[in-house]
C-alpha atoms as a PDB file:
ATOM      1  CA  MET A   1      67.821 180.891  79.105  1.00  0.00           C
ATOM      2  CA  LEU A   2      64.413 182.407  78.707  1.00  0.00           C
ATOM      3  CA  ALA A   3      65.947 185.517  77.134  1.00  0.00           C
ATOM      4  CA  ASN A   4      67.796 183.267  74.692  1.00  0.00           C
ATOM      5  CA  ARG A   5      64.670 181.385  73.707  1.00  0.00           C
ATOM      6  CA  MET A   6      62.749 184.699  73.211  1.00  0.00           C
ATOM      7  CA  HIS A   7      65.565 186.003  70.861  1.00  0.00           C
ATOM      8  CA  ALA A   8      65.334 182.684  68.906  1.00  0.00           C
ATOM      9  CA  ILE A   9      61.627 183.229  67.938  1.00  0.00           C
ATOM     10  CA  PRO A  10      61.534 183.948  64.280  1.00  0.00           C
ATOM     11  CA  ALA A  11      60.000 187.240  63.144  1.00  0.00           C
ATOM     12  CA  ARG A  12      56.409 187.088  61.883  1.00  0.00           C
ATOM     13  CA  PRO A  13      56.018 187.842  58.155  1.00  0.00           C
ATOM     14  CA  SER A  14      54.080 190.888  57.368  1.00  0.00           C
ATOM     15  CA  LEU A  15      50.870 190.775  55.285  1.00  0.00           C
ATOM     16  CA  ILE A  16      52.738 192.204  52.386  1.00  0.00           C
ATOM     17  CA  THR A  17      55.451 189.623  52.548  1.00  0.00           C
ATOM     18  CA  HIS A  18      52.918 186.790  52.863  1.00  0.00           C
ATOM     19  CA  SER A  19      50.894 188.134  49.928  1.00  0.00           C
ATOM     20  CA  ALA A  20      54.017 188.458  47.701  1.00  0.00           C
ATOM     21  CA  ASP A  21      54.939 184.861  48.496  1.00  0.00           C
ATOM     22  CA  PHE A  22      51.352 183.714  47.528  1.00  0.00           C
ATOM     23  CA  LEU A  23      51.599 185.583  44.173  1.00  0.00           C
ATOM     24  CA  ARG A  24      54.955 184.094  43.391  1.00  0.00           C
ATOM     25  CA  GLU A  25      53.678 180.690  44.003  1.00  0.00           C
ATOM     26  CA  ALA A  26      50.698 181.284  41.737  1.00  0.00           C
ATOM     27  CA  LEU A  27      52.936 182.371  39.016  1.00  0.00           C
ATOM     28  CA  MET A  28      55.175 179.342  39.490  1.00  0.00           C
ATOM     29  CA  ARG A  29      51.984 177.246  39.011  1.00  0.00           C
ATOM     30  CA  GLY A  30      51.165 179.063  35.792  1.00  0.00           C
ATOM     31  CA  ASP A  31      47.809 180.460  37.180  1.00  0.00           C
ATOM     32  CA  TRP A  32      48.136 183.362  34.666  1.00  0.00           C
ATOM     33  CA  ALA A  33      49.795 183.701  31.332  1.00  0.00           C
ATOM     34  CA  GLY A  34      51.077 186.895  29.823  1.00  0.00           C
ATOM     35  CA  GLN A  35      49.700 189.388  32.268  1.00  0.00           C
ATOM     36  CA  LEU A  36      48.270 189.632  35.767  1.00  0.00           C
ATOM     37  CA  PRO A  37      44.502 190.011  36.365  1.00  0.00           C
ATOM     38  CA  SER A  38      43.085 193.362  37.389  1.00  0.00           C
ATOM     39  CA  GLU A  39      43.835 194.782  40.792  1.00  0.00           C
ATOM     40  CA  ARG A  40      40.191 194.203  41.875  1.00  0.00           C
ATOM     41  CA  THR A  41      40.473 190.486  41.037  1.00  0.00           C
ATOM     42  CA  LEU A  42      43.814 190.177  42.898  1.00  0.00           C
ATOM     43  CA  CYS A  43      42.472 191.992  45.965  1.00  0.00           C
ATOM     44  CA  ALA A  44      39.534 189.606  46.082  1.00  0.00           C
ATOM     45  CA  ARG A  45      41.707 186.502  45.653  1.00  0.00           C
ATOM     46  CA  LEU A  46      44.330 187.620  48.220  1.00  0.00           C
ATOM     47  CA  ARG A  47      41.778 189.204  50.503  1.00  0.00           C
ATOM     48  CA  ILE A  48      43.852 192.316  50.980  1.00  0.00           C
ATOM     49  CA  SER A  49      43.273 196.078  50.433  1.00  0.00           C
ATOM     50  CA  ARG A  50      44.361 197.880  47.276  1.00  0.00           C
ATOM     51  CA  PRO A  51      47.165 199.874  49.048  1.00  0.00           C
ATOM     52  CA  THR A  52      48.520 196.574  50.371  1.00  0.00           C
ATOM     53  CA  LEU A  53      48.312 194.997  46.990  1.00  0.00           C
ATOM     54  CA  ARG A  54      50.089 197.861  45.311  1.00  0.00           C
ATOM     55  CA  ALA A  55      52.978 197.458  47.859  1.00  0.00           C
ATOM     56  CA  VAL A  56      53.081 193.787  46.885  1.00  0.00           C
ATOM     57  CA  LEU A  57      53.140 194.559  43.165  1.00  0.00           C
ATOM     58  CA  ALA A  58      55.860 197.148  43.686  1.00  0.00           C
ATOM     59  CA  GLN A  59      57.945 194.419  45.389  1.00  0.00           C
ATOM     60  CA  LEU A  60      57.528 192.090  42.470  1.00  0.00           C
ATOM     61  CA  GLU A  61      58.256 194.870  39.980  1.00  0.00           C
ATOM     62  CA  ARG A  62      61.539 195.572  41.720  1.00  0.00           C
ATOM     63  CA  GLU A  63      62.463 191.931  41.396  1.00  0.00           C
ATOM     64  CA  GLY A  64      61.839 192.019  37.739  1.00  0.00           C
ATOM     65  CA  VAL A  65      59.001 189.534  37.802  1.00  0.00           C
ATOM     66  CA  ILE A  66      56.328 191.893  36.525  1.00  0.00           C
ATOM     67  CA  SER A  67      56.271 195.192  34.561  1.00  0.00           C
ATOM     68  CA  ALA A  68      55.051 198.554  35.503  1.00  0.00           C
ATOM     69  CA  VAL A  69      51.295 199.299  34.838  1.00  0.00           C
ATOM     70  CA  GLU A  70      50.456 199.274  31.143  1.00  0.00           C
ATOM     71  CA  ASN A  71      46.829 199.865  30.134  1.00  0.00           C
ATOM     72  CA  LYS A  72      45.783 199.162  33.736  1.00  0.00           C
ATOM     73  CA  ARG A  73      47.495 195.688  33.561  1.00  0.00           C
ATOM     74  CA  ARG A  74      51.012 194.353  34.432  1.00  0.00           C
ATOM     75  CA  GLN A  75      52.893 192.075  32.202  1.00  0.00           C
ATOM     76  CA  ILE A  76      54.531 188.885  33.577  1.00  0.00           C
ATOM     77  CA  LEU A  77      58.154 189.249  32.634  1.00  0.00           C
ATOM     78  CA  ALA A  78      59.912 186.287  34.313  1.00  0.00           C
ATOM     79  CA  MET A  79      59.285 183.401  36.591  1.00  0.00           C
ATOM     80  CA  PRO A  80      60.058 184.239  40.251  1.00  0.00           C
ATOM     81  CA  MET A  81      62.397 182.324  42.378  1.00  0.00           C
ATOM     82  CA  SER A  82      60.535 179.676  44.395  1.00  0.00           C
ATOM     83  CA  GLY A  83      59.189 180.266  47.891  1.00  0.00           C
ATOM     84  CA  ARG A  84      61.222 182.046  50.483  1.00  0.00           C
ATOM     85  CA  GLY A  85      64.257 182.398  48.241  1.00  0.00           C
ATOM     86  CA  ALA A  86      62.723 185.387  46.594  1.00  0.00           C
ATOM     87  CA  VAL A  87      62.113 187.247  49.890  1.00  0.00           C
ATOM     88  CA  SER A  88      64.619 190.086  50.377  1.00  0.00           C
ATOM     89  CA  SER A  89      66.565 190.746  53.506  1.00  0.00           C
ATOM     90  CA  ARG A  90      64.509 190.924  56.720  1.00  0.00           C
ATOM     91  CA  VAL A  91      67.097 192.951  58.471  1.00  0.00           C
ATOM     92  CA  VAL A  92      67.084 196.803  59.130  1.00  0.00           C
ATOM     93  CA  ALA A  93      70.459 197.943  60.163  1.00  0.00           C
ATOM     94  CA  LEU A  94      71.080 200.944  62.483  1.00  0.00           C
ATOM     95  CA  LEU A  95      74.409 202.573  61.939  1.00  0.00           C
ATOM     96  CA  THR A  96      75.809 204.446  64.918  1.00  0.00           C
ATOM     97  CA  PRO A  97      79.158 205.855  65.965  1.00  0.00           C
ATOM     98  CA  VAL A  98      78.760 204.662  69.527  1.00  0.00           C
ATOM     99  CA  PRO A  99      77.535 201.307  71.141  1.00  0.00           C
ATOM    100  CA  GLN A 100      74.109 201.175  72.612  1.00  0.00           C
ATOM    101  CA  GLN A 101      75.332 201.514  76.242  1.00  0.00           C
ATOM    102  CA  ALA A 102      76.848 204.959  75.322  1.00  0.00           C
ATOM    103  CA  MET A 103      73.592 206.324  73.752  1.00  0.00           C
ATOM    104  CA  PRO A 104      71.631 208.931  75.529  1.00  0.00           C
ATOM    105  CA  PRO A 105      68.376 207.687  77.250  1.00  0.00           C
ATOM    106  CA  PHE A 106      66.159 209.394  74.677  1.00  0.00           C
ATOM    107  CA  VAL A 107      67.927 207.516  71.803  1.00  0.00           C
ATOM    108  CA  LEU A 108      67.788 204.223  73.682  1.00  0.00           C
ATOM    109  CA  PHE A 109      64.053 204.571  74.094  1.00  0.00           C
ATOM    110  CA  TRP A 110      63.341 205.234  70.397  1.00  0.00           C
ATOM    111  CA  VAL A 111      65.673 202.494  69.335  1.00  0.00           C
ATOM    112  CA  ASP A 112      63.861 200.041  71.507  1.00  0.00           C
ATOM    113  CA  THR A 113      60.585 201.227  70.270  1.00  0.00           C
ATOM    114  CA  LEU A 114      61.734 201.058  66.662  1.00  0.00           C
ATOM    115  CA  ARG A 115      62.884 197.489  67.245  1.00  0.00           C
ATOM    116  CA  GLU A 116      59.359 196.427  68.538  1.00  0.00           C
ATOM    117  CA  LEU A 117      57.599 198.189  65.548  1.00  0.00           C
ATOM    118  CA  LEU A 118      59.859 196.538  63.007  1.00  0.00           C
ATOM    119  CA  ALA A 119      59.467 193.073  64.637  1.00  0.00           C
ATOM    120  CA  GLU A 120      55.682 193.532  64.428  1.00  0.00           C
ATOM    121  CA  ALA A 121      56.160 193.844  60.561  1.00  0.00           C
ATOM    122  CA  GLY A 122      58.527 190.867  60.384  1.00  0.00           C
ATOM    123  CA  TYR A 123      61.807 192.747  60.420  1.00  0.00           C
ATOM    124  CA  GLN A 124      64.723 192.530  62.713  1.00  0.00           C
ATOM    125  CA  LEU A 125      66.724 195.559  63.795  1.00  0.00           C
ATOM    126  CA  GLU A 126      70.428 195.151  63.981  1.00  0.00           C
ATOM    127  CA  VAL A 127      72.644 197.749  65.641  1.00  0.00           C
ATOM    128  CA  HIS A 128      76.018 198.311  64.128  1.00  0.00           C
ATOM    129  CA  ALA A 129      78.482 200.639  66.026  1.00  0.00           C
ATOM    130  CA  SER A 130      81.139 201.534  63.426  1.00  0.00           C
ATOM    131  CA  PRO A 131      83.223 204.524  64.382  1.00  0.00           C
ATOM    132  CA  HIS A 132      85.368 204.003  61.201  1.00  0.00           C
ATOM    133  CA  CYS A 133      82.342 204.997  59.099  1.00  0.00           C
ATOM    134  CA  TYR A 134      82.265 208.410  60.791  1.00  0.00           C
ATOM    135  CA  THR A 135      85.693 209.578  59.719  1.00  0.00           C
ATOM    136  CA  THR A 136      86.325 212.324  57.154  1.00  0.00           C
ATOM    137  CA  LYS A 137      86.795 209.596  54.546  1.00  0.00           C
ATOM    138  CA  PRO A 138      84.280 206.896  55.293  1.00  0.00           C
ATOM    139  CA  SER A 139      83.716 205.401  51.831  1.00  0.00           C
ATOM    140  CA  GLY A 140      85.943 202.301  52.382  1.00  0.00           C
ATOM    141  CA  GLY A 141      84.384 201.527  55.764  1.00  0.00           C
ATOM    142  CA  LEU A 142      80.813 202.046  54.377  1.00  0.00           C
ATOM    143  CA  LYS A 143      81.490 199.834  51.333  1.00  0.00           C
ATOM    144  CA  LYS A 144      82.768 196.994  53.460  1.00  0.00           C
ATOM    145  CA  LEU A 145      80.009 197.239  56.000  1.00  0.00           C
ATOM    146  CA  THR A 146      77.153 197.365  53.462  1.00  0.00           C
ATOM    147  CA  GLN A 147      78.652 194.273  51.647  1.00  0.00           C
ATOM    148  CA  ARG A 148      78.917 192.303  54.809  1.00  0.00           C
ATOM    149  CA  VAL A 149      75.529 193.291  56.206  1.00  0.00           C
ATOM    150  CA  GLN A 150      72.809 192.633  53.674  1.00  0.00           C
ATOM    151  CA  ALA A 151      70.111 194.978  55.006  1.00  0.00           C
ATOM    152  CA  ALA A 152      66.723 195.839  53.512  1.00  0.00           C
ATOM    153  CA  ALA A 153      67.325 199.378  54.701  1.00  0.00           C
ATOM    154  CA  TRP A 154      69.832 201.384  56.827  1.00  0.00           C
ATOM    155  CA  VAL A 155      68.917 203.878  59.607  1.00  0.00           C
ATOM    156  CA  LEU A 156      71.722 206.470  59.912  1.00  0.00           C
ATOM    157  CA  PHE A 157      72.105 207.854  63.482  1.00  0.00           C
ATOM    158  CA  ARG A 158      74.368 210.953  64.012  1.00  0.00           C
ATOM    159  CA  SER A 159      75.459 210.610  60.350  1.00  0.00           C
ATOM    160  CA  THR A 160      77.845 213.159  58.823  1.00  0.00           C
ATOM    161  CA  SER A 161      77.045 214.845  55.508  1.00  0.00           C
ATOM    162  CA  THR A 162      79.802 212.746  53.789  1.00  0.00           C
ATOM    163  CA  MET A 163      78.108 209.568  54.975  1.00  0.00           C
ATOM    164  CA  GLN A 164      74.734 210.821  53.751  1.00  0.00           C
ATOM    165  CA  ARG A 165      76.141 211.674  50.301  1.00  0.00           C
ATOM    166  CA  TRP A 166      77.651 208.203  50.038  1.00  0.00           C
ATOM    167  CA  PHE A 167      74.349 206.398  50.673  1.00  0.00           C
ATOM    168  CA  ALA A 168      72.508 208.811  48.298  1.00  0.00           C
ATOM    169  CA  GLU A 169      75.159 208.327  45.543  1.00  0.00           C
ATOM    170  CA  HIS A 170      75.101 204.517  45.881  1.00  0.00           C
ATOM    171  CA  ALA A 171      71.302 204.406  45.827  1.00  0.00           C
ATOM    172  CA  SER A 172      71.378 202.463  49.062  1.00  0.00           C
ATOM    173  CA  ALA A 173      68.027 202.344  50.917  1.00  0.00           C
ATOM    174  CA  ALA A 174      68.662 204.601  54.003  1.00  0.00           C
ATOM    175  CA  VAL A 175      66.604 206.772  56.390  1.00  0.00           C
ATOM    176  CA  VAL A 176      68.332 209.448  58.391  1.00  0.00           C
ATOM    177  CA  ALA A 177      67.499 209.579  62.148  1.00  0.00           C
ATOM    178  CA  GLY A 178      68.340 213.190  62.171  1.00  0.00           C
ATOM    179  CA  SER A 179      68.665 216.033  59.676  1.00  0.00           C
ATOM    180  CA  CYS A 180      70.155 215.846  56.183  1.00  0.00           C
ATOM    181  CA  ALA A 181      72.797 218.108  54.809  1.00  0.00           C
ATOM    182  CA  GLU A 182      71.392 220.776  52.578  1.00  0.00           C
ATOM    183  CA  ASP A 183      72.609 219.109  49.388  1.00  0.00           C
ATOM    184  CA  VAL A 184      71.399 215.567  50.332  1.00  0.00           C
ATOM    185  CA  GLU A 185      67.995 214.148  49.513  1.00  0.00           C
ATOM    186  CA  LEU A 186      67.264 211.179  51.861  1.00  0.00           C
ATOM    187  CA  PRO A 187      64.174 210.553  53.905  1.00  0.00           C
ATOM    188  CA  SER A 188      64.678 211.838  57.466  1.00  0.00           C
ATOM    189  CA  VAL A 189      63.064 212.208  60.788  1.00  0.00           C
ATOM    190  CA  ASP A 190      64.317 214.712  63.396  1.00  0.00           C
ATOM    191  CA  ILE A 191      63.340 217.122  66.160  1.00  0.00           C
ATOM    192  CA  ASP A 192      62.688 220.487  64.733  1.00  0.00           C
ATOM    193  CA  TYR A 193      65.832 222.012  66.276  1.00  0.00           C
ATOM    194  CA  ARG A 194      65.642 225.116  64.106  1.00  0.00           C
ATOM    195  CA  ALA A 195      62.205 226.044  65.437  1.00  0.00           C
ATOM    196  CA  THR A 196      63.260 224.992  68.946  1.00  0.00           C
ATOM    197  CA  CYS A 197      66.332 227.225  69.166  1.00  0.00           C
ATOM    198  CA  ARG A 198      64.537 230.036  67.545  1.00  0.00           C
ATOM    199  CA  HIS A 199      61.726 229.844  70.122  1.00  0.00           C
ATOM    200  CA  ALA A 200      64.196 229.526  73.004  1.00  0.00           C
ATOM    201  CA  THR A 201      66.187 232.546  71.809  1.00  0.00           C
ATOM    202  CA  ILE A 202      63.054 234.727  71.562  1.00  0.00           C
ATOM    203  CA  MET A 203      61.909 233.547  75.006  1.00  0.00           C
ATOM    204  CA  LEU A 204      65.252 234.629  76.534  1.00  0.00           C
ATOM    205  CA  ARG A 205      65.180 237.980  74.706  1.00  0.00           C
ATOM    206  CA  GLN A 206      61.683 238.549  75.979  1.00  0.00           C
ATOM    207  CA  LYS A 207      63.122 238.064  79.561  1.00  0.00           C
ATOM    208  CA  GLY A 208      65.640 240.773  78.848  1.00  0.00           C
ATOM    209  CA  HIS A 209      68.681 238.878  77.822  1.00  0.00           C
ATOM    210  CA  ARG A 210      70.654 240.436  74.982  1.00  0.00           C
ATOM    211  CA  ARG A 211      73.848 238.483  75.348  1.00  0.00           C
ATOM    212  CA  ILE A 212      73.061 234.836  74.721  1.00  0.00           C
ATOM    213  CA  ALA A 213      75.540 231.964  74.060  1.00  0.00           C
ATOM    214  CA  LEU A 214      74.530 228.889  72.131  1.00  0.00           C
ATOM    215  CA  LEU A 215      76.772 225.970  73.115  1.00  0.00           C
ATOM    216  CA  LEU A 216      76.935 223.246  70.367  1.00  0.00           C
ATOM    217  CA  PRO A 217      79.086 220.226  69.870  1.00  0.00           C
ATOM    218  CA  ASP A 218      81.801 220.742  67.184  1.00  0.00           C
ATOM    219  CA  SER A 219      80.172 218.485  64.539  1.00  0.00           C
ATOM    220  CA  THR A 220      78.463 218.567  61.205  1.00  0.00           C
ATOM    221  CA  HIS A 221      75.350 216.787  62.410  1.00  0.00           C
ATOM    222  CA  GLY A 222      72.380 218.358  60.594  1.00  0.00           C
ATOM    223  CA  GLY A 223      70.400 219.016  63.827  1.00  0.00           C
ATOM    224  CA  ASP A 224      73.235 221.013  65.290  1.00  0.00           C
ATOM    225  CA  MET A 225      73.515 223.100  62.031  1.00  0.00           C
ATOM    226  CA  GLU A 226      69.747 223.651  62.138  1.00  0.00           C
ATOM    227  CA  SER A 227      70.006 224.894  65.747  1.00  0.00           C
ATOM    228  CA  GLU A 228      72.545 227.471  64.794  1.00  0.00           C
ATOM    229  CA  HIS A 229      70.325 228.647  61.867  1.00  0.00           C
ATOM    230  CA  GLY A 230      67.265 229.076  64.186  1.00  0.00           C
ATOM    231  CA  PHE A 231      69.378 230.864  66.915  1.00  0.00           C
ATOM    232  CA  ARG A 232      70.683 233.398  64.393  1.00  0.00           C
ATOM    233  CA  GLU A 233      67.144 233.887  62.961  1.00  0.00           C
ATOM    234  CA  ALA A 234      65.784 234.941  66.321  1.00  0.00           C
ATOM    235  CA  LEU A 235      68.626 237.552  66.673  1.00  0.00           C
ATOM    236  CA  ARG A 236      68.059 241.078  65.304  1.00  0.00           C
ATOM    237  CA  SER A 237      71.384 242.536  64.038  1.00  0.00           C
ATOM    238  CA  ASN A 238      70.586 245.998  65.332  1.00  0.00           C
ATOM    239  CA  ASP A 239      69.822 244.681  68.814  1.00  0.00           C
ATOM    240  CA  ASP A 240      72.562 242.182  69.240  1.00  0.00           C
ATOM    241  CA  ASP A 241      75.012 243.085  72.041  1.00  0.00           C
ATOM    242  CA  GLY A 242      77.228 239.994  72.002  1.00  0.00           C
ATOM    243  CA  SER A 243      75.312 236.889  71.365  1.00  0.00           C
ATOM    244  CA  VAL A 244      77.560 234.140  70.198  1.00  0.00           C
ATOM    245  CA  VAL A 245      77.792 230.488  69.042  1.00  0.00           C
ATOM    246  CA  ILE A 246      80.451 228.410  70.802  1.00  0.00           C
ATOM    247  CA  ARG A 247      81.412 224.904  69.796  1.00  0.00           C
ATOM    248  CA  HIS A 248      83.136 222.294  71.892  1.00  0.00           C
ATOM    249  CA  HIS A 249      84.483 218.702  71.524  1.00  0.00           C
ATOM    250  CA  GLU A 250      81.751 217.180  73.890  1.00  0.00           C
ATOM    251  CA  LYS A 251      83.861 216.150  76.879  1.00  0.00           C
ATOM    252  CA  ALA A 252      82.970 217.787  80.169  1.00  0.00           C
ATOM    253  CA  GLU A 253      86.282 219.445  80.703  1.00  0.00           C
ATOM    254  CA  GLN A 254      86.069 221.022  77.185  1.00  0.00           C
ATOM    255  CA  VAL A 255      82.566 222.278  77.911  1.00  0.00           C
ATOM    256  CA  VAL A 256      83.908 223.873  81.160  1.00  0.00           C
ATOM    257  CA  GLU A 257      86.882 225.309  79.312  1.00  0.00           C
ATOM    258  CA  GLN A 258      84.596 227.006  76.753  1.00  0.00           C
ATOM    259  CA  LEU A 259      82.201 228.229  79.478  1.00  0.00           C
ATOM    260  CA  GLU A 260      85.129 229.796  81.444  1.00  0.00           C
ATOM    261  CA  SER A 261      86.247 231.601  78.364  1.00  0.00           C
ATOM    262  CA  LEU A 262      82.706 232.996  77.959  1.00  0.00           C
ATOM    263  CA  LEU A 263      82.573 234.120  81.597  1.00  0.00           C
ATOM    264  CA  ARG A 264      85.773 236.056  81.151  1.00  0.00           C
ATOM    265  CA  ARG A 265      84.260 238.151  78.424  1.00  0.00           C
ATOM    266  CA  LYS A 266      83.566 241.831  79.109  1.00  0.00           C
ATOM    267  CA  PRO A 267      80.561 241.912  79.176  1.00  0.00           C
ATOM    268  CA  ALA A 268      79.828 238.156  79.610  1.00  0.00           C
ATOM    269  CA  PRO A 269      76.629 236.403  78.321  1.00  0.00           C
ATOM    270  CA  THR A 270      73.718 236.414  80.683  1.00  0.00           C
ATOM    271  CA  ALA A 271      72.004 233.303  79.235  1.00  0.00           C
ATOM    272  CA  PHE A 272      73.059 229.943  77.771  1.00  0.00           C
ATOM    273  CA  LEU A 273      71.123 227.846  75.358  1.00  0.00           C
ATOM    274  CA  VAL A 274      72.843 224.361  75.482  1.00  0.00           C
ATOM    275  CA  ALA A 275      72.523 221.455  73.061  1.00  0.00           C
ATOM    276  CA  ARG A 276      72.480 217.932  74.599  1.00  0.00           C
ATOM    277  CA  SER A 277      71.126 217.436  78.042  1.00  0.00           C
ATOM    278  CA  SER A 278      74.349 216.092  79.382  1.00  0.00           C
ATOM    279  CA  HIS A 279      76.167 219.255  78.423  1.00  0.00           C
ATOM    280  CA  ALA A 280      73.360 221.382  79.978  1.00  0.00           C
ATOM    281  CA  LEU A 281      74.034 219.529  83.189  1.00  0.00           C
ATOM    282  CA  THR A 282      77.743 220.278  82.970  1.00  0.00           C
ATOM    283  CA  VAL A 283      77.052 223.987  82.478  1.00  0.00           C
ATOM    284  CA  ILE A 284      74.608 224.072  85.395  1.00  0.00           C
ATOM    285  CA  THR A 285      76.781 222.246  87.914  1.00  0.00           C
ATOM    286  CA  HIS A 286      79.884 224.299  86.962  1.00  0.00           C
ATOM    287  CA  LEU A 287      78.082 227.631  87.409  1.00  0.00           C
ATOM    288  CA  LEU A 288      76.734 226.393  90.773  1.00  0.00           C
ATOM    289  CA  ARG A 289      80.117 225.160  91.823  1.00  0.00           C
ATOM    290  CA  SER A 290      81.536 228.616  90.931  1.00  0.00           C
ATOM    291  CA  GLY A 291      79.105 230.302  93.407  1.00  0.00           C
ATOM    292  CA  HIS A 292      76.596 231.603  90.850  1.00  0.00           C
ATOM    293  CA  ARG A 293      72.881 231.494  91.322  1.00  0.00           C
ATOM    294  CA  LEU A 294      70.339 230.517  88.786  1.00  0.00           C
ATOM    295  CA  PRO A 295      68.497 232.397  87.236  1.00  0.00           C
ATOM    296  CA  ARG A 296      69.692 235.423  89.137  1.00  0.00           C
ATOM    297  CA  ASP A 297      73.117 235.471  87.591  1.00  0.00           C
ATOM    298  CA  PHE A 298      72.572 233.378  84.513  1.00  0.00           C
ATOM    299  CA  ALA A 299      69.618 231.774  82.634  1.00  0.00           C
ATOM    300  CA  ILE A 300      70.010 228.298  81.286  1.00  0.00           C
ATOM    301  CA  VAL A 301      67.838 226.489  78.685  1.00  0.00           C
ATOM    302  CA  SER A 302      68.487 222.932  77.554  1.00  0.00           C
ATOM    303  CA  ARG A 303      67.652 222.241  73.947  1.00  0.00           C
ATOM    304  CA  ASP A 304      67.174 218.535  74.758  1.00  0.00           C
ATOM    305  CA  ASP A 305      65.650 216.564  77.611  1.00  0.00           C
ATOM    306  CA  ASP A 306      66.445 213.242  79.322  1.00  0.00           C
ATOM    307  CA  ALA A 307      65.075 211.468  82.340  1.00  0.00           C
ATOM    308  CA  PHE A 308      68.054 212.459  84.644  1.00  0.00           C
ATOM    309  CA  LEU A 309      67.098 216.114  84.361  1.00  0.00           C
ATOM    310  CA  GLU A 310      63.996 215.429  86.494  1.00  0.00           C
ATOM    311  CA  HIS A 311      66.388 215.068  89.423  1.00  0.00           C
ATOM    312  CA  VAL A 312      68.254 218.373  88.908  1.00  0.00           C
ATOM    313  CA  VAL A 313      67.603 221.206  91.336  1.00  0.00           C
ATOM    314  CA  PRO A 314      66.779 223.847  90.401  1.00  0.00           C
ATOM    315  CA  ARG A 315      64.340 222.483  87.799  1.00  0.00           C
ATOM    316  CA  VAL A 316      65.796 222.911  84.281  1.00  0.00           C
ATOM    317  CA  THR A 317      63.960 224.787  81.575  1.00  0.00           C
ATOM    318  CA  ARG A 318      64.071 222.406  78.565  1.00  0.00           C
ATOM    319  CA  TYR A 319      62.496 221.129  75.440  1.00  0.00           C
ATOM    320  CA  SER A 320      61.067 217.604  75.679  1.00  0.00           C
ATOM    321  CA  ALA A 321      60.390 215.456  72.629  1.00  0.00           C
ATOM    322  CA  ASP A 322      58.299 212.260  72.487  1.00  0.00           C
ATOM    323  CA  ALA A 323      60.631 209.308  71.764  1.00  0.00           C
ATOM    324  CA  ALA A 324      57.719 206.981  70.946  1.00  0.00           C
ATOM    325  CA  LYS A 325      56.394 209.406  68.311  1.00  0.00           C
ATOM    326  CA  PHE A 326      59.823 209.778  66.889  1.00  0.00           C
ATOM    327  CA  ALA A 327      60.239 205.953  66.614  1.00  0.00           C
ATOM    328  CA  LYS A 328      56.791 205.620  64.922  1.00  0.00           C
ATOM    329  CA  ARG A 329      57.514 208.217  62.279  1.00  0.00           C
ATOM    330  CA  LEU A 330      60.914 206.637  61.643  1.00  0.00           C
ATOM    331  CA  SER A 331      59.399 203.145  61.465  1.00  0.00           C
ATOM    332  CA  ARG A 332      56.774 204.384  58.996  1.00  0.00           C
ATOM    333  CA  LEU A 333      59.504 205.677  56.627  1.00  0.00           C
ATOM    334  CA  VAL A 334      61.560 202.541  56.963  1.00  0.00           C
ATOM    335  CA  MET A 335      58.680 200.238  56.159  1.00  0.00           C
ATOM    336  CA  GLU A 336      57.554 202.341  53.215  1.00  0.00           C
ATOM    337  CA  LEU A 337      61.058 202.216  51.874  1.00  0.00           C
ATOM    338  CA  VAL A 338      61.617 198.438  52.199  1.00  0.00           C
ATOM    339  CA  GLN A 339      58.115 197.600  50.862  1.00  0.00           C
ATOM    340  CA  THR A 340      57.862 199.974  47.919  1.00  0.00           C
ATOM    341  CA  GLY A 341      61.541 200.834  47.215  1.00  0.00           C
ATOM    342  CA  HIS A 342      60.921 204.660  47.592  1.00  0.00           C
ATOM    343  CA  THR A 343      59.586 207.172  50.023  1.00  0.00           C
ATOM    344  CA  SER A 344      59.173 210.911  50.188  1.00  0.00           C
ATOM    345  CA  THR A 345      62.375 212.805  50.972  1.00  0.00           C
ATOM    346  CA  ASN A 346      60.439 215.769  52.553  1.00  0.00           C
ATOM    347  CA  PRO A 347      61.902 216.009  55.973  1.00  0.00           C
ATOM    348  CA  VAL A 348      59.728 214.928  58.918  1.00  0.00           C
ATOM    349  CA  ARG A 349      60.225 217.397  61.865  1.00  0.00           C
ATOM    350  CA  LEU A 350      58.685 216.942  65.304  1.00  0.00           C
ATOM    351  CA  MET A 351      58.296 220.066  67.537  1.00  0.00           C
ATOM    352  CA  PRO A 352      59.143 219.225  71.196  1.00  0.00           C
ATOM    353  CA  ASP A 353      57.189 220.735  74.095  1.00  0.00           C
ATOM    354  CA  LEU A 354      58.640 223.440  76.384  1.00  0.00           C
ATOM    355  CA  ARG A 355      58.979 222.316  79.887  1.00  0.00           C
ATOM    356  CA  ARG A 356      59.288 225.423  82.145  1.00  0.00           C
ATOM    357  CA  GLY A 357      61.736 225.298  85.040  1.00  0.00           C
ATOM    358  CA  GLU A 358      63.570 227.482  87.466  1.00  0.00           C
ATOM    359  CA  THR A 359      66.594 228.221  85.310  1.00  0.00           C
ATOM    360  CA  VAL A 360      65.078 231.110  83.335  1.00  0.00           C
END
């Protein structure tokens, strides 16, 4: 019962929302005719900073209530809708191919942190698990979903390049929790997988490994594509004796199948760089089950980290990102987008920390 009551508490309006409501009411009363006063006057009357005021004015400009700046003033174009009716959606929708219970711990952590940060600003995060939007032809599903869910902005998790292009072409407010395809310009936040895999490959080569296998899911996710780019950048063609990129379909038995295929090669790889912490665990346990010793026989590096790897023996060498920092950067982009209608499309990339273990 207590949980139900807590969920029923309405979100607090942000300062920008409150100030925009105040200005609409002033316009409805006829406080000004023709044009708005100067920004200095408005800041003093609303008791807000100039950056906050400009976010408020940008909101009213998008609503068609006022014009863009002309000779340092803004013209009043139309009377706003009264009160709260003018306020846009207070929902931010997270689009995902899997339900929350199937998300990795790292993702669950940043989703919960993002929910808290958005709630502080007066927005509610809704999670929509819609596998039909992740097909090769997702336009129909995306159209129905975005019509049904009136969101102020969308957060796209594990989005495909086709999905990203759809949101970009339909001018829908969206932020990618991940990396964009090369021909897509949407704001995005991701781990710097390119730099991570480049660093890991160089580290393995410095340890004497010349046959390194990068194991990736068979997907078009931007982060996995960036991982392959970083891996190849670290390899010198005149010194490459069999390094390879292997893709799989994410199930444990498929990872094992690809691993066995690699082990049958002559000569076989001596080191494995593995994307996704769960897949790294599959590789480690299968090698140990097969009688191999780590790192005597094979070196293992996990591109990603999760809490369960703390309990693996031998300790796994891996890269650990800060989920709270990820959520904060994502929240910053989302709030800028919903409050101003635009944001920079320069990708935000976070470099994880190397956690040295006993598998290299």
